[in-house]
Amino acid sequence: MAPKRTFKSIVPTTFAYSRGKLWEGFSYPLYRMNLNKIIEFVNETKQELINRFGSVHDRSGVGAEIDSIEFILERLSNWHSANEQVDIRDQYVYLEALESHFEHLFEMFDEMDSE
């Protein structure tokens, strides 16, 4: 039997870099590419949760973290796509929240991986 895939192994090696580049703002030329990499990671995480537990929301708290992360990513994506002039403070508030939700999600990964 093959070893079980860990949730931590899903995290791309470039994840911290991609997250960090979002802080450079919408005008950063590779903003969309880095945002899409993060969205792809979230989608892969959701698929692994479904494969392993049957649902994204089957594990206590994980679904809520994923939902919050997706809400933030959708808002950032929509602002960027619409080329909206968003106050930098609004971007920072969303990015701070995103960082916090990812921190919680990674703590949950550690718990699930140790089961």
PDB file of N, CA and C in Angstrom:
ATOM      1  N   MET A   1       0.836  -1.179   0.000  1.00  0.00           N
ATOM      2  CA  MET A   1       0.000   0.000   0.000  1.00  0.00           C
ATOM      3  C   MET A   1       0.883   1.244   0.000  1.00  0.00           C
ATOM      4  N   ALA A   2       0.554   2.182  -0.881  1.00  0.00           N
ATOM      5  CA  ALA A   2       1.330   3.421  -0.989  1.00  0.00           C
ATOM      6  C   ALA A   2       1.101   4.291   0.237  1.00  0.00           C
ATOM      7  N   PRO A   3       2.129   5.041   0.636  1.00  0.00           N
ATOM      8  CA  PRO A   3       1.946   5.921   1.791  1.00  0.00           C
ATOM      9  C   PRO A   3       0.889   6.991   1.496  1.00  0.00           C
ATOM     10  N   LYS A   4       0.166   7.350   2.541  1.00  0.00           N
ATOM     11  CA  LYS A   4      -0.884   8.353   2.406  1.00  0.00           C
ATOM     12  C   LYS A   4      -0.253   9.708   2.096  1.00  0.00           C
ATOM     13  N   ARG A   5      -0.827  10.412   1.149  1.00  0.00           N
ATOM     14  CA  ARG A   5      -0.372  11.749   0.797  1.00  0.00           C
ATOM     15  C   ARG A   5      -0.705  12.696   1.958  1.00  0.00           C
ATOM     16  N   THR A   6       0.265  13.505   2.349  1.00  0.00           N
ATOM     17  CA  THR A   6       0.017  14.450   3.430  1.00  0.00           C
ATOM     18  C   THR A   6      -0.521  15.755   2.864  1.00  0.00           C
ATOM     19  N   PHE A   7      -1.245  16.479   3.706  1.00  0.00           N
ATOM     20  CA  PHE A   7      -1.746  17.773   3.279  1.00  0.00           C
ATOM     21  C   PHE A   7      -0.595  18.755   3.103  1.00  0.00           C
ATOM     22  N   LYS A   8       0.413  18.649   3.951  1.00  0.00           N
ATOM     23  CA  LYS A   8       1.575  19.527   3.824  1.00  0.00           C
ATOM     24  C   LYS A   8       2.291  19.322   2.491  1.00  0.00           C
ATOM     25  N   SER A   9       2.217  18.107   1.944  1.00  0.00           N
ATOM     26  CA  SER A   9       2.883  17.841   0.667  1.00  0.00           C
ATOM     27  C   SER A   9       2.177  18.507  -0.506  1.00  0.00           C
ATOM     28  N   ILE A  10       0.952  18.945  -0.304  1.00  0.00           N
ATOM     29  CA  ILE A  10       0.200  19.639  -1.358  1.00  0.00           C
ATOM     30  C   ILE A  10       0.711  21.072  -1.527  1.00  0.00           C
ATOM     31  N   VAL A  11       1.241  21.636  -0.453  1.00  0.00           N
ATOM     32  CA  VAL A  11       1.665  23.034  -0.480  1.00  0.00           C
ATOM     33  C   VAL A  11       2.841  23.182  -1.446  1.00  0.00           C
ATOM     34  N   PRO A  12       2.681  24.003  -2.481  1.00  0.00           N
ATOM     35  CA  PRO A  12       3.782  24.180  -3.443  1.00  0.00           C
ATOM     36  C   PRO A  12       5.000  24.816  -2.778  1.00  0.00           C
ATOM     37  N   THR A  13       6.162  24.484  -3.269  1.00  0.00           N
ATOM     38  CA  THR A  13       7.390  25.059  -2.706  1.00  0.00           C
ATOM     39  C   THR A  13       7.440  26.571  -2.926  1.00  0.00           C
ATOM     40  N   THR A  14       6.697  27.063  -3.903  1.00  0.00           N
ATOM     41  CA  THR A  14       6.677  28.495  -4.209  1.00  0.00           C
ATOM     42  C   THR A  14       5.527  29.233  -3.520  1.00  0.00           C
ATOM     43  N   PHE A  15       4.824  28.545  -2.619  1.00  0.00           N
ATOM     44  CA  PHE A  15       3.628  29.130  -2.022  1.00  0.00           C
ATOM     45  C   PHE A  15       3.925  30.419  -1.252  1.00  0.00           C
ATOM     46  N   ALA A  16       4.918  30.415  -0.400  1.00  0.00           N
ATOM     47  CA  ALA A  16       5.251  31.612   0.388  1.00  0.00           C
ATOM     48  C   ALA A  16       5.634  32.765  -0.535  1.00  0.00           C
ATOM     49  N   TYR A  17       6.354  32.459  -1.591  1.00  0.00           N
ATOM     50  CA  TYR A  17       6.742  33.487  -2.565  1.00  0.00           C
ATOM     51  C   TYR A  17       5.500  34.079  -3.228  1.00  0.00           C
ATOM     52  N   SER A  18       4.593  33.220  -3.684  1.00  0.00           N
ATOM     53  CA  SER A  18       3.374  33.696  -4.348  1.00  0.00           C
ATOM     54  C   SER A  18       2.542  34.554  -3.407  1.00  0.00           C
ATOM     55  N   ARG A  19       2.406  34.111  -2.173  1.00  0.00           N
ATOM     56  CA  ARG A  19       1.658  34.901  -1.180  1.00  0.00           C
ATOM     57  C   ARG A  19       2.326  36.244  -0.960  1.00  0.00           C
ATOM     58  N   GLY A  20       3.628  36.230  -0.836  1.00  0.00           N
ATOM     59  CA  GLY A  20       4.366  37.472  -0.600  1.00  0.00           C
ATOM     60  C   GLY A  20       4.215  38.471  -1.726  1.00  0.00           C
ATOM     61  N   LYS A  21       4.144  37.980  -2.941  1.00  0.00           N
ATOM     62  CA  LYS A  21       4.027  38.874  -4.096  1.00  0.00           C
ATOM     63  C   LYS A  21       2.678  39.587  -4.143  1.00  0.00           C
ATOM     64  N   LEU A  22       1.661  39.049  -3.491  1.00  0.00           N
ATOM     65  CA  LEU A  22       0.369  39.732  -3.450  1.00  0.00           C
ATOM     66  C   LEU A  22       0.485  41.051  -2.694  1.00  0.00           C
ATOM     67  N   TRP A  23       1.422  41.126  -1.756  1.00  0.00           N
ATOM     68  CA  TRP A  23       1.608  42.344  -0.961  1.00  0.00           C
ATOM     69  C   TRP A  23       2.149  43.494  -1.807  1.00  0.00           C
ATOM     70  N   GLU A  24       2.651  43.186  -2.984  1.00  0.00           N
ATOM     71  CA  GLU A  24       3.182  44.246  -3.848  1.00  0.00           C
ATOM     72  C   GLU A  24       2.069  45.010  -4.552  1.00  0.00           C
ATOM     73  N   GLY A  25       0.847  44.516  -4.438  1.00  0.00           N
ATOM     74  CA  GLY A  25      -0.299  45.251  -4.961  1.00  0.00           C
ATOM     75  C   GLY A  25      -0.706  44.852  -6.359  1.00  0.00           C
ATOM     76  N   PHE A  26      -1.864  45.370  -6.742  1.00  0.00           N
ATOM     77  CA  PHE A  26      -2.465  45.028  -8.028  1.00  0.00           C
ATOM     78  C   PHE A  26      -1.608  45.446  -9.210  1.00  0.00           C
ATOM     79  N   SER A  27      -0.782  46.453  -9.021  1.00  0.00           N
ATOM     80  CA  SER A  27       0.030  46.939 -10.141  1.00  0.00           C
ATOM     81  C   SER A  27       1.239  46.047 -10.415  1.00  0.00           C
ATOM     82  N   TYR A  28       1.541  45.128  -9.494  1.00  0.00           N
ATOM     83  CA  TYR A  28       2.653  44.200  -9.718  1.00  0.00           C
ATOM     84  C   TYR A  28       2.353  43.378 -10.961  1.00  0.00           C
ATOM     85  N   PRO A  29       3.268  43.352 -11.942  1.00  0.00           N
ATOM     86  CA  PRO A  29       2.979  42.693 -13.226  1.00  0.00           C
ATOM     87  C   PRO A  29       2.572  41.212 -13.129  1.00  0.00           C
ATOM     88  N   LEU A  30       3.070  40.495 -12.137  1.00  0.00           N
ATOM     89  CA  LEU A  30       2.761  39.073 -12.035  1.00  0.00           C
ATOM     90  C   LEU A  30       1.739  38.778 -10.937  1.00  0.00           C
ATOM     91  N   TYR A  31       0.981  39.791 -10.546  1.00  0.00           N
ATOM     92  CA  TYR A  31      -0.020  39.639  -9.489  1.00  0.00           C
ATOM     93  C   TYR A  31      -1.004  38.518  -9.818  1.00  0.00           C
ATOM     94  N   ARG A  32      -1.577  38.557 -11.023  1.00  0.00           N
ATOM     95  CA  ARG A  32      -2.597  37.575 -11.421  1.00  0.00           C
ATOM     96  C   ARG A  32      -2.016  36.163 -11.411  1.00  0.00           C
ATOM     97  N   MET A  33      -0.803  36.003 -11.922  1.00  0.00           N
ATOM     98  CA  MET A  33      -0.185  34.680 -11.956  1.00  0.00           C
ATOM     99  C   MET A  33      -0.033  34.121 -10.538  1.00  0.00           C
ATOM    100  N   ASN A  34       0.440  34.935  -9.618  1.00  0.00           N
ATOM    101  CA  ASN A  34       0.629  34.474  -8.242  1.00  0.00           C
ATOM    102  C   ASN A  34      -0.703  34.212  -7.552  1.00  0.00           C
ATOM    103  N   LEU A  35      -1.690  35.056  -7.806  1.00  0.00           N
ATOM    104  CA  LEU A  35      -3.026  34.829  -7.259  1.00  0.00           C
ATOM    105  C   LEU A  35      -3.589  33.505  -7.774  1.00  0.00           C
ATOM    106  N   ASN A  36      -3.416  33.240  -9.060  1.00  0.00           N
ATOM    107  CA  ASN A  36      -3.912  31.983  -9.639  1.00  0.00           C
ATOM    108  C   ASN A  36      -3.213  30.758  -9.056  1.00  0.00           C
ATOM    109  N   LYS A  37      -1.934  30.874  -8.752  1.00  0.00           N
ATOM    110  CA  LYS A  37      -1.222  29.756  -8.119  1.00  0.00           C
ATOM    111  C   LYS A  37      -1.822  29.438  -6.752  1.00  0.00           C
ATOM    112  N   ILE A  38      -2.179  30.468  -6.009  1.00  0.00           N
ATOM    113  CA  ILE A  38      -2.784  30.272  -4.700  1.00  0.00           C
ATOM    114  C   ILE A  38      -4.173  29.653  -4.847  1.00  0.00           C
ATOM    115  N   ILE A  39      -4.939  30.129  -5.815  1.00  0.00           N
ATOM    116  CA  ILE A  39      -6.272  29.566  -6.078  1.00  0.00           C
ATOM    117  C   ILE A  39      -6.159  28.090  -6.466  1.00  0.00           C
ATOM    118  N   GLU A  40      -5.182  27.750  -7.294  1.00  0.00           N
ATOM    119  CA  GLU A  40      -4.964  26.351  -7.681  1.00  0.00           C
ATOM    120  C   GLU A  40      -4.644  25.491  -6.462  1.00  0.00           C
ATOM    121  N   PHE A  41      -3.825  26.012  -5.566  1.00  0.00           N
ATOM    122  CA  PHE A  41      -3.496  25.283  -4.346  1.00  0.00           C
ATOM    123  C   PHE A  41      -4.747  25.031  -3.510  1.00  0.00           C
ATOM    124  N   VAL A  42      -5.596  26.027  -3.360  1.00  0.00           N
ATOM    125  CA  VAL A  42      -6.832  25.874  -2.588  1.00  0.00           C
ATOM    126  C   VAL A  42      -7.719  24.819  -3.240  1.00  0.00           C
ATOM    127  N   ASN A  43      -7.820  24.849  -4.561  1.00  0.00           N
ATOM    128  CA  ASN A  43      -8.634  23.846  -5.262  1.00  0.00           C
ATOM    129  C   ASN A  43      -8.074  22.442  -5.089  1.00  0.00           C
ATOM    130  N   GLU A  44      -6.764  22.305  -5.121  1.00  0.00           N
ATOM    131  CA  GLU A  44      -6.141  20.998  -4.906  1.00  0.00           C
ATOM    132  C   GLU A  44      -6.383  20.512  -3.481  1.00  0.00           C
ATOM    133  N   THR A  45      -6.335  21.432  -2.528  1.00  0.00           N
ATOM    134  CA  THR A  45      -6.611  21.094  -1.135  1.00  0.00           C
ATOM    135  C   THR A  45      -8.046  20.608  -0.979  1.00  0.00           C
ATOM    136  N   LYS A  46      -8.973  21.304  -1.598  1.00  0.00           N
ATOM    137  CA  LYS A  46     -10.377  20.897  -1.535  1.00  0.00           C
ATOM    138  C   LYS A  46     -10.563  19.502  -2.114  1.00  0.00           C
ATOM    139  N   GLN A  47      -9.911  19.232  -3.230  1.00  0.00           N
ATOM    140  CA  GLN A  47     -10.038  17.913  -3.854  1.00  0.00           C
ATOM    141  C   GLN A  47      -9.469  16.825  -2.951  1.00  0.00           C
ATOM    142  N   GLU A  48      -8.352  17.098  -2.302  1.00  0.00           N
ATOM    143  CA  GLU A  48      -7.767  16.115  -1.381  1.00  0.00           C
ATOM    144  C   GLU A  48      -8.690  15.869  -0.190  1.00  0.00           C
ATOM    145  N   LEU A  49      -9.319  16.925   0.315  1.00  0.00           N
ATOM    146  CA  LEU A  49     -10.285  16.762   1.413  1.00  0.00           C
ATOM    147  C   LEU A  49     -11.457  15.889   0.971  1.00  0.00           C
ATOM    148  N   ILE A  50     -11.953  16.122  -0.219  1.00  0.00           N
ATOM    149  CA  ILE A  50     -13.064  15.318  -0.752  1.00  0.00           C
ATOM    150  C   ILE A  50     -12.624  13.870  -0.932  1.00  0.00           C
ATOM    151  N   ASN A  51     -11.441  13.673  -1.484  1.00  0.00           N
ATOM    152  CA  ASN A  51     -10.930  12.309  -1.693  1.00  0.00           C
ATOM    153  C   ASN A  51     -10.777  11.559  -0.374  1.00  0.00           C
ATOM    154  N   ARG A  52     -10.300  12.266   0.633  1.00  0.00           N
ATOM    155  CA  ARG A  52      -9.994  11.605   1.893  1.00  0.00           C
ATOM    156  C   ARG A  52     -11.202  11.495   2.830  1.00  0.00           C
ATOM    157  N   PHE A  53     -12.030  12.530   2.877  1.00  0.00           N
ATOM    158  CA  PHE A  53     -13.107  12.573   3.867  1.00  0.00           C
ATOM    159  C   PHE A  53     -14.505  12.622   3.260  1.00  0.00           C
ATOM    160  N   GLY A  54     -14.602  12.742   1.949  1.00  0.00           N
ATOM    161  CA  GLY A  54     -15.900  12.776   1.288  1.00  0.00           C
ATOM    162  C   GLY A  54     -16.501  14.153   1.145  1.00  0.00           C
ATOM    163  N   SER A  55     -15.916  15.154   1.820  1.00  0.00           N
ATOM    164  CA  SER A  55     -16.460  16.511   1.775  1.00  0.00           C
ATOM    165  C   SER A  55     -15.403  17.498   2.265  1.00  0.00           C
ATOM    166  N   VAL A  56     -15.483  18.705   1.769  1.00  0.00           N
ATOM    167  CA  VAL A  56     -14.611  19.771   2.262  1.00  0.00           C
ATOM    168  C   VAL A  56     -15.014  20.141   3.683  1.00  0.00           C
ATOM    169  N   HIS A  57     -16.288  19.999   3.989  1.00  0.00           N
ATOM    170  CA  HIS A  57     -16.818  20.432   5.281  1.00  0.00           C
ATOM    171  C   HIS A  57     -16.964  19.293   6.293  1.00  0.00           C
ATOM    172  N   ASP A  58     -16.368  18.150   6.015  1.00  0.00           N
ATOM    173  CA  ASP A  58     -16.501  17.003   6.910  1.00  0.00           C
ATOM    174  C   ASP A  58     -15.641  17.133   8.168  1.00  0.00           C
ATOM    175  N   ARG A  59     -14.575  17.891   8.086  1.00  0.00           N
ATOM    176  CA  ARG A  59     -13.661  18.069   9.225  1.00  0.00           C
ATOM    177  C   ARG A  59     -13.985  19.376   9.928  1.00  0.00           C
ATOM    178  N   SER A  60     -14.039  19.333  11.237  1.00  0.00           N
ATOM    179  CA  SER A  60     -14.396  20.500  12.044  1.00  0.00           C
ATOM    180  C   SER A  60     -13.468  21.684  11.763  1.00  0.00           C
ATOM    181  N   GLY A  61     -14.037  22.764  11.296  1.00  0.00           N
ATOM    182  CA  GLY A  61     -13.303  24.005  11.087  1.00  0.00           C
ATOM    183  C   GLY A  61     -12.604  24.148   9.755  1.00  0.00           C
ATOM    184  N   VAL A  62     -12.248  23.053   9.112  1.00  0.00           N
ATOM    185  CA  VAL A  62     -11.498  23.134   7.862  1.00  0.00           C
ATOM    186  C   VAL A  62     -12.338  23.797   6.773  1.00  0.00           C
ATOM    187  N   GLY A  63     -13.583  23.389   6.654  1.00  0.00           N
ATOM    188  CA  GLY A  63     -14.455  23.960   5.635  1.00  0.00           C
ATOM    189  C   GLY A  63     -14.644  25.450   5.805  1.00  0.00           C
ATOM    190  N   ALA A  64     -14.772  25.892   7.059  1.00  0.00           N
ATOM    191  CA  ALA A  64     -14.938  27.323   7.320  1.00  0.00           C
ATOM    192  C   ALA A  64     -13.687  28.102   6.918  1.00  0.00           C
ATOM    193  N   GLU A  65     -12.514  27.532   7.186  1.00  0.00           N
ATOM    194  CA  GLU A  65     -11.267  28.195   6.778  1.00  0.00           C
ATOM    195  C   GLU A  65     -11.183  28.279   5.260  1.00  0.00           C
ATOM    196  N   ILE A  66     -11.505  27.181   4.586  1.00  0.00           N
ATOM    197  CA  ILE A  66     -11.484  27.163   3.124  1.00  0.00           C
ATOM    198  C   ILE A  66     -12.475  28.190   2.574  1.00  0.00           C
ATOM    199  N   ASP A  67     -13.684  28.228   3.132  1.00  0.00           N
ATOM    200  CA  ASP A  67     -14.692  29.196   2.682  1.00  0.00           C
ATOM    201  C   ASP A  67     -14.196  30.628   2.832  1.00  0.00           C
ATOM    202  N   SER A  68     -13.585  30.936   3.960  1.00  0.00           N
ATOM    203  CA  SER A  68     -13.066  32.287   4.190  1.00  0.00           C
ATOM    204  C   SER A  68     -11.933  32.621   3.218  1.00  0.00           C
ATOM    205  N   ILE A  69     -11.043  31.669   3.011  1.00  0.00           N
ATOM    206  CA  ILE A  69      -9.943  31.876   2.065  1.00  0.00           C
ATOM    207  C   ILE A  69     -10.491  32.123   0.666  1.00  0.00           C
ATOM    208  N   GLU A  70     -11.462  31.316   0.262  1.00  0.00           N
ATOM    209  CA  GLU A  70     -12.039  31.491  -1.079  1.00  0.00           C
ATOM    210  C   GLU A  70     -12.741  32.838  -1.218  1.00  0.00           C
ATOM    211  N   PHE A  71     -13.428  33.283  -0.171  1.00  0.00           N
ATOM    212  CA  PHE A  71     -14.085  34.590  -0.209  1.00  0.00           C
ATOM    213  C   PHE A  71     -13.060  35.696  -0.448  1.00  0.00           C
ATOM    214  N   ILE A  72     -11.970  35.644   0.295  1.00  0.00           N
ATOM    215  CA  ILE A  72     -10.921  36.662   0.163  1.00  0.00           C
ATOM    216  C   ILE A  72     -10.293  36.607  -1.225  1.00  0.00           C
ATOM    217  N   LEU A  73      -9.965  35.410  -1.689  1.00  0.00           N
ATOM    218  CA  LEU A  73      -9.350  35.273  -3.010  1.00  0.00           C
ATOM    219  C   LEU A  73     -10.284  35.762  -4.111  1.00  0.00           C
ATOM    220  N   GLU A  74     -11.571  35.475  -3.960  1.00  0.00           N
ATOM    221  CA  GLU A  74     -12.548  35.944  -4.953  1.00  0.00           C
ATOM    222  C   GLU A  74     -12.612  37.472  -4.968  1.00  0.00           C
ATOM    223  N   ARG A  75     -12.616  38.069  -3.786  1.00  0.00           N
ATOM    224  CA  ARG A  75     -12.661  39.537  -3.705  1.00  0.00           C
ATOM    225  C   ARG A  75     -11.417  40.143  -4.349  1.00  0.00           C
ATOM    226  N   LEU A  76     -10.239  39.616  -4.017  1.00  0.00           N
ATOM    227  CA  LEU A  76      -8.999  40.119  -4.608  1.00  0.00           C
ATOM    228  C   LEU A  76      -8.998  39.935  -6.126  1.00  0.00           C
ATOM    229  N   SER A  77      -9.463  38.780  -6.568  1.00  0.00           N
ATOM    230  CA  SER A  77      -9.507  38.487  -7.996  1.00  0.00           C
ATOM    231  C   SER A  77     -10.460  39.433  -8.725  1.00  0.00           C
ATOM    232  N   ASN A  78     -11.620  39.659  -8.149  1.00  0.00           N
ATOM    233  CA  ASN A  78     -12.603  40.551  -8.784  1.00  0.00           C
ATOM    234  C   ASN A  78     -12.087  41.985  -8.855  1.00  0.00           C
ATOM    235  N   TRP A  79     -11.472  42.456  -7.775  1.00  0.00           N
ATOM    236  CA  TRP A  79     -10.903  43.804  -7.794  1.00  0.00           C
ATOM    237  C   TRP A  79      -9.853  43.921  -8.885  1.00  0.00           C
ATOM    238  N   HIS A  80      -8.996  42.910  -8.968  1.00  0.00           N
ATOM    239  CA  HIS A  80      -7.921  42.954  -9.958  1.00  0.00           C
ATOM    240  C   HIS A  80      -8.483  42.880 -11.374  1.00  0.00           C
ATOM    241  N   SER A  81      -9.430  41.982 -11.617  1.00  0.00           N
ATOM    242  CA  SER A  81     -10.012  41.828 -12.949  1.00  0.00           C
ATOM    243  C   SER A  81     -10.733  43.091 -13.412  1.00  0.00           C
ATOM    244  N   ALA A  82     -11.406  43.751 -12.480  1.00  0.00           N
ATOM    245  CA  ALA A  82     -12.150  44.966 -12.815  1.00  0.00           C
ATOM    246  C   ALA A  82     -11.236  46.188 -12.883  1.00  0.00           C
ATOM    247  N   ASN A  83      -9.968  45.972 -12.557  1.00  0.00           N
ATOM    248  CA  ASN A  83      -8.995  47.062 -12.539  1.00  0.00           C
ATOM    249  C   ASN A  83      -9.483  48.214 -11.661  1.00  0.00           C
ATOM    250  N   GLU A  84     -10.113  47.845 -10.539  1.00  0.00           N
ATOM    251  CA  GLU A  84     -10.657  48.834  -9.608  1.00  0.00           C
ATOM    252  C   GLU A  84      -9.541  49.549  -8.871  1.00  0.00           C
ATOM    253  N   GLN A  85      -9.784  50.792  -8.594  1.00  0.00           N
ATOM    254  CA  GLN A  85      -8.877  51.563  -7.757  1.00  0.00           C
ATOM    255  C   GLN A  85      -9.272  51.313  -6.305  1.00  0.00           C
ATOM    256  N   VAL A  86      -8.636  50.335  -5.707  1.00  0.00           N
ATOM    257  CA  VAL A  86      -8.950  49.933  -4.346  1.00  0.00           C
ATOM    258  C   VAL A  86      -7.916  50.550  -3.416  1.00  0.00           C
ATOM    259  N   ASP A  87      -8.393  51.135  -2.332  1.00  0.00           N
ATOM    260  CA  ASP A  87      -7.500  51.712  -1.340  1.00  0.00           C
ATOM    261  C   ASP A  87      -6.531  50.626  -0.869  1.00  0.00           C
ATOM    262  N   ILE A  88      -5.270  50.968  -0.794  1.00  0.00           N
ATOM    263  CA  ILE A  88      -4.243  50.004  -0.396  1.00  0.00           C
ATOM    264  C   ILE A  88      -4.543  49.426   0.987  1.00  0.00           C
ATOM    265  N   ARG A  89      -5.205  50.207   1.844  1.00  0.00           N
ATOM    266  CA  ARG A  89      -5.553  49.708   3.174  1.00  0.00           C
ATOM    267  C   ARG A  89      -6.564  48.570   3.084  1.00  0.00           C
ATOM    268  N   ASP A  90      -7.493  48.657   2.121  1.00  0.00           N
ATOM    269  CA  ASP A  90      -8.442  47.569   1.918  1.00  0.00           C
ATOM    270  C   ASP A  90      -7.721  46.292   1.482  1.00  0.00           C
ATOM    271  N   GLN A  91      -6.780  46.449   0.558  1.00  0.00           N
ATOM    272  CA  GLN A  91      -6.002  45.288   0.123  1.00  0.00           C
ATOM    273  C   GLN A  91      -5.262  44.676   1.309  1.00  0.00           C
ATOM    274  N   TYR A  92      -4.647  45.496   2.124  1.00  0.00           N
ATOM    275  CA  TYR A  92      -3.884  44.999   3.260  1.00  0.00           C
ATOM    276  C   TYR A  92      -4.764  44.278   4.272  1.00  0.00           C
ATOM    277  N   VAL A  93      -5.961  44.799   4.511  1.00  0.00           N
ATOM    278  CA  VAL A  93      -6.872  44.136   5.443  1.00  0.00           C
ATOM    279  C   VAL A  93      -7.207  42.738   4.935  1.00  0.00           C
ATOM    280  N   TYR A  94      -7.497  42.622   3.647  1.00  0.00           N
ATOM    281  CA  TYR A  94      -7.813  41.317   3.077  1.00  0.00           C
ATOM    282  C   TYR A  94      -6.595  40.396   3.088  1.00  0.00           C
ATOM    283  N   LEU A  95      -5.427  40.930   2.796  1.00  0.00           N
ATOM    284  CA  LEU A  95      -4.227  40.095   2.797  1.00  0.00           C
ATOM    285  C   LEU A  95      -3.855  39.640   4.205  1.00  0.00           C
ATOM    286  N   GLU A  96      -4.038  40.500   5.186  1.00  0.00           N
ATOM    287  CA  GLU A  96      -3.795  40.098   6.581  1.00  0.00           C
ATOM    288  C   GLU A  96      -4.742  38.962   6.977  1.00  0.00           C
ATOM    289  N   ALA A  97      -6.010  39.105   6.598  1.00  0.00           N
ATOM    290  CA  ALA A  97      -6.982  38.051   6.900  1.00  0.00           C
ATOM    291  C   ALA A  97      -6.603  36.761   6.182  1.00  0.00           C
ATOM    292  N   LEU A  98      -6.159  36.879   4.940  1.00  0.00           N
ATOM    293  CA  LEU A  98      -5.752  35.693   4.176  1.00  0.00           C
ATOM    294  C   LEU A  98      -4.598  34.985   4.870  1.00  0.00           C
ATOM    295  N   GLU A  99      -3.618  35.744   5.322  1.00  0.00           N
ATOM    296  CA  GLU A  99      -2.474  35.164   6.037  1.00  0.00           C
ATOM    297  C   GLU A  99      -2.947  34.406   7.277  1.00  0.00           C
ATOM    298  N   SER A 100      -3.855  35.012   8.026  1.00  0.00           N
ATOM    299  CA  SER A 100      -4.360  34.396   9.246  1.00  0.00           C
ATOM    300  C   SER A 100      -5.099  33.092   8.945  1.00  0.00           C
ATOM    301  N   HIS A 101      -5.936  33.103   7.926  1.00  0.00           N
ATOM    302  CA  HIS A 101      -6.688  31.889   7.582  1.00  0.00           C
ATOM    303  C   HIS A 101      -5.760  30.775   7.079  1.00  0.00           C
ATOM    304  N   PHE A 102      -4.736  31.137   6.320  1.00  0.00           N
ATOM    305  CA  PHE A 102      -3.779  30.116   5.885  1.00  0.00           C
ATOM    306  C   PHE A 102      -3.003  29.556   7.077  1.00  0.00           C
ATOM    307  N   GLU A 103      -2.650  30.401   8.016  1.00  0.00           N
ATOM    308  CA  GLU A 103      -1.952  29.924   9.217  1.00  0.00           C
ATOM    309  C   GLU A 103      -2.810  28.887   9.951  1.00  0.00           C
ATOM    310  N   HIS A 104      -4.098  29.195  10.124  1.00  0.00           N
ATOM    311  CA  HIS A 104      -5.007  28.244  10.774  1.00  0.00           C
ATOM    312  C   HIS A 104      -5.142  26.952   9.957  1.00  0.00           C
ATOM    313  N   LEU A 105      -5.254  27.110   8.649  1.00  0.00           N
ATOM    314  CA  LEU A 105      -5.397  25.932   7.788  1.00  0.00           C
ATOM    315  C   LEU A 105      -4.162  25.035   7.898  1.00  0.00           C
ATOM    316  N   PHE A 106      -2.986  25.621   7.924  1.00  0.00           N
ATOM    317  CA  PHE A 106      -1.767  24.818   8.017  1.00  0.00           C
ATOM    318  C   PHE A 106      -1.662  24.119   9.370  1.00  0.00           C
ATOM    319  N   GLU A 107      -2.161  24.752  10.421  1.00  0.00           N
ATOM    320  CA  GLU A 107      -2.218  24.078  11.721  1.00  0.00           C
ATOM    321  C   GLU A 107      -3.153  22.863  11.641  1.00  0.00           C
ATOM    322  N   MET A 108      -4.258  23.017  10.942  1.00  0.00           N
ATOM    323  CA  MET A 108      -5.200  21.909  10.756  1.00  0.00           C
ATOM    324  C   MET A 108      -4.556  20.803   9.914  1.00  0.00           C
ATOM    325  N   PHE A 109      -3.761  21.181   8.919  1.00  0.00           N
ATOM    326  CA  PHE A 109      -3.028  20.189   8.129  1.00  0.00           C
ATOM    327  C   PHE A 109      -2.161  19.336   9.027  1.00  0.00           C
ATOM    328  N   ASP A 110      -1.438  19.982   9.944  1.00  0.00           N
ATOM    329  CA  ASP A 110      -0.565  19.243  10.863  1.00  0.00           C
ATOM    330  C   ASP A 110      -1.372  18.215  11.669  1.00  0.00           C
ATOM    331  N   GLU A 111      -2.539  18.643  12.153  1.00  0.00           N
ATOM    332  CA  GLU A 111      -3.392  17.736  12.927  1.00  0.00           C
ATOM    333  C   GLU A 111      -3.886  16.572  12.069  1.00  0.00           C
ATOM    334  N   MET A 112      -4.359  16.873  10.862  1.00  0.00           N
ATOM    335  CA  MET A 112      -4.887  15.810   9.991  1.00  0.00           C
ATOM    336  C   MET A 112      -3.783  14.870   9.522  1.00  0.00           C
ATOM    337  N   ASP A 113      -2.602  15.419   9.262  1.00  0.00           N
ATOM    338  CA  ASP A 113      -1.489  14.591   8.814  1.00  0.00           C
ATOM    339  C   ASP A 113      -0.990  13.650   9.904  1.00  0.00           C
ATOM    340  N   SER A 114      -1.193  14.048  11.172  1.00  0.00           N
ATOM    341  CA  SER A 114      -0.722  13.197  12.268  1.00  0.00           C
ATOM    342  C   SER A 114      -1.725  12.096  12.635  1.00  0.00           C
ATOM    343  N   GLU A 115      -2.917  12.140  12.068  1.00  0.00           N
ATOM    344  CA  GLU A 115      -3.935  11.122  12.375  1.00  0.00           C
ATOM    345  C   GLU A 115      -3.607   9.800  11.711  1.00  0.00           C
TER     346      GLU A 115
END
